Structures are given as structure tokens and as C-alpha cells.
């Protein structure tokens, strides 16, 4: 906490948290903790959990790409990307 920027300096940031529900390396608690901290700091973020372990999945990457495209303003936030 002493090394964190003040909330007003974090307003322009965005984050995407993706975590496996069955992760045996980093328990899902860490993602929940990150979600709560970013919420308290006022950082815009999205948190998603996936039925997987400590790995990357196609669904996870697709969700991140969609989040990034929206964050960069490449697609409207309510666009259907089916």
C-alpha cells in the first residue's frame, strides 16, 4: 500500500483479471483479492474465472482480446462479438 499511487492517479488504468477455478499454482483467492483491491482503488477492471487450472485457454484469450478491443475503442462496449 505505501508504494501505490493515489486513486486519482489510477483513474485512467484498466485491467483484465483471468483465473482458473482449479489453479493449483496460484489459488483463485489471489484473483478475488486483486479484484477487490482494484475495486477499492477505483480502477476499471473485469474479472473472469474459467474452468481450468494454471493455463491459458482459447476462451480466456478470446475474452481478453474482446476486452482489449473495447478498452482501445475498437468496438463499442455493447457490440455482439459472437
N, C-alpha and C. Protein backbone atom coordinates (compact mmCIF):
# COMPACT_ATOMS: atom_id res chain seq x y z
N UNK A 1 0.81 -1.21 0.00
CA UNK A 1 0.00 0.00 0.00
C UNK A 1 0.85 1.28 0.00
N UNK A 2 1.96 1.33 0.73
CA UNK A 2 2.71 2.59 0.74
C UNK A 2 3.33 2.92 -0.62
N UNK A 3 3.46 1.96 -1.48
CA UNK A 3 4.09 2.20 -2.79
C UNK A 3 3.06 2.42 -3.90
N UNK A 4 1.79 2.35 -3.58
CA UNK A 4 0.75 2.52 -4.58
C UNK A 4 0.50 4.00 -4.85
N UNK A 5 0.19 4.27 -6.10
CA UNK A 5 -0.18 5.64 -6.48
C UNK A 5 -1.54 5.95 -5.85
N UNK A 6 -1.82 7.22 -5.67
CA UNK A 6 -3.14 7.58 -5.13
C UNK A 6 -4.24 7.25 -6.15
N UNK A 7 -5.46 6.99 -5.68
CA UNK A 7 -6.56 6.61 -6.58
C UNK A 7 -6.75 7.54 -7.77
N UNK A 8 -6.59 8.85 -7.57
CA UNK A 8 -6.80 9.78 -8.69
C UNK A 8 -5.77 9.56 -9.81
N UNK A 9 -4.61 9.03 -9.48
CA UNK A 9 -3.58 8.75 -10.50
C UNK A 9 -3.87 7.44 -11.23
N UNK A 10 -4.78 6.64 -10.71
CA UNK A 10 -5.09 5.33 -11.30
C UNK A 10 -6.35 5.35 -12.16
N UNK A 11 -7.02 6.48 -12.23
CA UNK A 11 -8.32 6.56 -12.93
C UNK A 11 -8.25 6.21 -14.41
N UNK A 12 -7.11 6.39 -15.03
CA UNK A 12 -7.02 6.11 -16.47
C UNK A 12 -6.65 4.66 -16.75
N UNK A 13 -6.39 3.89 -15.71
CA UNK A 13 -5.98 2.49 -15.90
C UNK A 13 -7.17 1.58 -16.10
N UNK A 14 -6.91 0.44 -16.74
CA UNK A 14 -7.89 -0.62 -16.88
C UNK A 14 -7.16 -1.94 -16.70
N UNK A 15 -7.89 -2.96 -16.28
CA UNK A 15 -7.26 -4.26 -16.04
C UNK A 15 -8.21 -5.39 -16.40
N UNK A 16 -7.63 -6.49 -16.79
CA UNK A 16 -8.38 -7.72 -17.08
C UNK A 16 -7.77 -8.82 -16.22
N UNK A 17 -8.57 -9.39 -15.34
CA UNK A 17 -8.12 -10.48 -14.47
C UNK A 17 -8.77 -11.76 -14.97
N UNK A 18 -7.95 -12.73 -15.30
CA UNK A 18 -8.44 -14.04 -15.74
C UNK A 18 -7.77 -15.10 -14.87
N UNK A 19 -8.58 -16.03 -14.37
CA UNK A 19 -8.01 -17.02 -13.46
C UNK A 19 -8.76 -18.34 -13.58
N UNK A 20 -8.01 -19.42 -13.47
CA UNK A 20 -8.59 -20.75 -13.48
C UNK A 20 -9.17 -21.11 -12.11
N UNK A 21 -10.38 -21.63 -12.12
CA UNK A 21 -11.01 -22.05 -10.86
C UNK A 21 -10.27 -23.20 -10.19
N UNK A 22 -9.52 -23.96 -10.98
CA UNK A 22 -8.82 -25.14 -10.46
C UNK A 22 -7.31 -24.95 -10.49
N UNK A 23 -6.86 -23.71 -10.43
CA UNK A 23 -5.44 -23.39 -10.46
C UNK A 23 -4.77 -23.92 -9.20
N UNK A 24 -3.79 -24.81 -9.37
CA UNK A 24 -3.09 -25.38 -8.21
C UNK A 24 -1.75 -24.68 -7.95
N UNK A 25 -1.42 -23.67 -8.74
CA UNK A 25 -0.19 -22.89 -8.54
C UNK A 25 -0.49 -21.59 -7.79
N UNK A 26 -1.50 -20.88 -8.25
CA UNK A 26 -1.97 -19.64 -7.62
C UNK A 26 -3.46 -19.81 -7.35
N UNK A 27 -3.85 -19.99 -6.12
CA UNK A 27 -5.26 -20.21 -5.82
C UNK A 27 -6.15 -19.07 -6.30
N UNK A 28 -7.39 -19.37 -6.65
CA UNK A 28 -8.33 -18.33 -7.11
C UNK A 28 -8.46 -17.17 -6.13
N UNK A 29 -8.14 -17.40 -4.87
CA UNK A 29 -8.19 -16.33 -3.88
C UNK A 29 -7.38 -15.11 -4.34
N UNK A 30 -6.27 -15.34 -5.03
CA UNK A 30 -5.43 -14.22 -5.47
C UNK A 30 -6.16 -13.35 -6.48
N UNK A 31 -6.93 -13.96 -7.36
CA UNK A 31 -7.71 -13.18 -8.33
C UNK A 31 -8.82 -12.42 -7.62
N UNK A 32 -9.46 -13.07 -6.65
CA UNK A 32 -10.50 -12.40 -5.88
C UNK A 32 -9.93 -11.21 -5.11
N UNK A 33 -8.75 -11.40 -4.56
CA UNK A 33 -8.08 -10.34 -3.82
C UNK A 33 -7.72 -9.17 -4.76
N UNK A 34 -7.20 -9.48 -5.94
CA UNK A 34 -6.87 -8.45 -6.92
C UNK A 34 -8.12 -7.69 -7.35
N UNK A 35 -9.22 -8.42 -7.57
CA UNK A 35 -10.48 -7.81 -7.95
C UNK A 35 -10.93 -6.81 -6.88
N UNK A 36 -10.88 -7.23 -5.63
CA UNK A 36 -11.30 -6.36 -4.53
C UNK A 36 -10.41 -5.13 -4.42
N UNK A 37 -9.11 -5.31 -4.55
CA UNK A 37 -8.18 -4.19 -4.45
C UNK A 37 -8.40 -3.18 -5.57
N UNK A 38 -8.52 -3.68 -6.80
CA UNK A 38 -8.76 -2.76 -7.91
C UNK A 38 -10.08 -2.02 -7.74
N UNK A 39 -11.08 -2.71 -7.21
CA UNK A 39 -12.36 -2.07 -6.94
C UNK A 39 -12.21 -0.94 -5.92
N UNK A 40 -11.50 -1.20 -4.84
CA UNK A 40 -11.28 -0.17 -3.81
C UNK A 40 -10.50 1.03 -4.37
N UNK A 41 -9.59 0.76 -5.29
CA UNK A 41 -8.77 1.82 -5.87
C UNK A 41 -9.48 2.58 -6.99
N UNK A 42 -10.63 2.07 -7.40
CA UNK A 42 -11.38 2.72 -8.48
C UNK A 42 -10.83 2.44 -9.86
N UNK A 43 -10.06 1.37 -10.01
CA UNK A 43 -9.52 1.01 -11.32
C UNK A 43 -10.58 0.21 -12.08
N UNK A 44 -10.90 0.67 -13.29
CA UNK A 44 -11.85 -0.07 -14.14
C UNK A 44 -11.24 -1.43 -14.46
N UNK A 45 -12.00 -2.47 -14.23
CA UNK A 45 -11.46 -3.80 -14.50
C UNK A 45 -12.59 -4.81 -14.72
N UNK A 46 -12.19 -5.92 -15.27
CA UNK A 46 -13.10 -7.04 -15.49
C UNK A 46 -12.41 -8.29 -14.95
N UNK A 47 -13.14 -9.09 -14.20
CA UNK A 47 -12.59 -10.32 -13.64
C UNK A 47 -13.40 -11.50 -14.15
N UNK A 48 -12.70 -12.48 -14.67
CA UNK A 48 -13.35 -13.69 -15.19
C UNK A 48 -12.65 -14.92 -14.65
N UNK A 49 -13.46 -15.92 -14.30
CA UNK A 49 -12.94 -17.21 -13.86
C UNK A 49 -13.30 -18.26 -14.90
N UNK A 50 -12.41 -19.22 -15.09
CA UNK A 50 -12.58 -20.25 -16.11
C UNK A 50 -12.41 -21.63 -15.49
N UNK A 51 -13.11 -22.60 -16.05
CA UNK A 51 -12.98 -23.99 -15.58
C UNK A 51 -11.70 -24.59 -16.14
N UNK A 52 -10.59 -24.25 -15.50
CA UNK A 52 -9.28 -24.72 -15.93
C UNK A 52 -8.33 -24.58 -14.75
N UNK A 53 -7.11 -25.05 -14.94
CA UNK A 53 -6.07 -24.92 -13.93
C UNK A 53 -5.22 -23.70 -14.20
N UNK A 54 -3.91 -23.88 -14.03
CA UNK A 54 -2.93 -22.81 -14.24
C UNK A 54 -2.48 -22.89 -15.70
N UNK A 55 -3.26 -22.31 -16.58
CA UNK A 55 -3.02 -22.43 -18.02
C UNK A 55 -3.73 -21.31 -18.76
N UNK A 56 -3.55 -21.28 -20.05
CA UNK A 56 -4.29 -20.38 -20.93
C UNK A 56 -5.26 -21.21 -21.75
N UNK A 57 -6.43 -20.65 -22.00
CA UNK A 57 -7.42 -21.33 -22.84
C UNK A 57 -7.81 -20.41 -23.99
N UNK A 58 -8.41 -20.99 -25.01
CA UNK A 58 -8.89 -20.19 -26.14
C UNK A 58 -9.96 -19.21 -25.68
N UNK A 59 -10.84 -19.65 -24.78
CA UNK A 59 -11.90 -18.77 -24.28
C UNK A 59 -11.31 -17.59 -23.52
N UNK A 60 -10.31 -17.85 -22.73
CA UNK A 60 -9.67 -16.81 -21.95
C UNK A 60 -9.01 -15.78 -22.87
N UNK A 61 -8.29 -16.24 -23.87
CA UNK A 61 -7.62 -15.34 -24.81
C UNK A 61 -8.66 -14.55 -25.60
N UNK A 62 -9.73 -15.20 -26.03
CA UNK A 62 -10.79 -14.50 -26.78
C UNK A 62 -11.44 -13.41 -25.91
N UNK A 63 -11.69 -13.72 -24.64
CA UNK A 63 -12.27 -12.72 -23.75
C UNK A 63 -11.32 -11.54 -23.55
N UNK A 64 -10.03 -11.85 -23.40
CA UNK A 64 -9.05 -10.77 -23.24
C UNK A 64 -8.98 -9.90 -24.50
N UNK A 65 -8.97 -10.52 -25.66
CA UNK A 65 -8.91 -9.75 -26.92
C UNK A 65 -10.14 -8.85 -27.03
N UNK A 66 -11.32 -9.38 -26.68
CA UNK A 66 -12.54 -8.57 -26.73
C UNK A 66 -12.45 -7.40 -25.74
N UNK A 67 -11.98 -7.68 -24.53
CA UNK A 67 -11.81 -6.62 -23.53
C UNK A 67 -10.82 -5.56 -24.04
N UNK A 68 -9.73 -6.00 -24.62
CA UNK A 68 -8.72 -5.07 -25.12
C UNK A 68 -9.26 -4.22 -26.26
N UNK A 69 -9.98 -4.84 -27.17
CA UNK A 69 -10.58 -4.09 -28.29
C UNK A 69 -11.54 -3.02 -27.77
N UNK A 70 -12.35 -3.38 -26.78
CA UNK A 70 -13.27 -2.40 -26.18
C UNK A 70 -12.50 -1.31 -25.47
N UNK A 71 -11.47 -1.69 -24.73
CA UNK A 71 -10.67 -0.72 -23.98
C UNK A 71 -9.99 0.27 -24.92
N UNK A 72 -9.54 -0.20 -26.07
CA UNK A 72 -8.88 0.66 -27.06
C UNK A 72 -9.87 1.41 -27.93
N UNK A 73 -11.17 1.15 -27.73
CA UNK A 73 -12.19 1.83 -28.51
C UNK A 73 -12.33 1.30 -29.92
N UNK A 74 -11.91 0.07 -30.15
CA UNK A 74 -12.01 -0.52 -31.49
C UNK A 74 -13.39 -1.09 -31.77
N UNK A 75 -14.16 -1.37 -30.73
CA UNK A 75 -15.55 -1.83 -30.86
C UNK A 75 -16.36 -1.19 -29.74
N UNK A 76 -17.63 -0.93 -29.98
CA UNK A 76 -18.46 -0.38 -28.90
C UNK A 76 -18.59 -1.41 -27.77
N UNK A 77 -18.71 -0.97 -26.51
CA UNK A 77 -18.80 -1.90 -25.38
C UNK A 77 -19.96 -2.86 -25.46
N UNK A 78 -21.05 -2.49 -26.15
CA UNK A 78 -22.21 -3.37 -26.22
C UNK A 78 -22.29 -4.15 -27.54
N UNK A 79 -21.22 -4.13 -28.33
CA UNK A 79 -21.23 -4.85 -29.61
C UNK A 79 -21.23 -6.36 -29.36
N UNK A 80 -22.02 -7.06 -30.13
CA UNK A 80 -22.08 -8.53 -30.04
C UNK A 80 -20.98 -9.11 -30.89
N UNK A 81 -20.03 -9.78 -30.24
CA UNK A 81 -18.89 -10.35 -30.95
C UNK A 81 -18.97 -11.87 -30.95
N UNK A 82 -20.09 -12.41 -31.33
CA UNK A 82 -20.31 -13.87 -31.33
C UNK A 82 -19.49 -14.56 -32.38
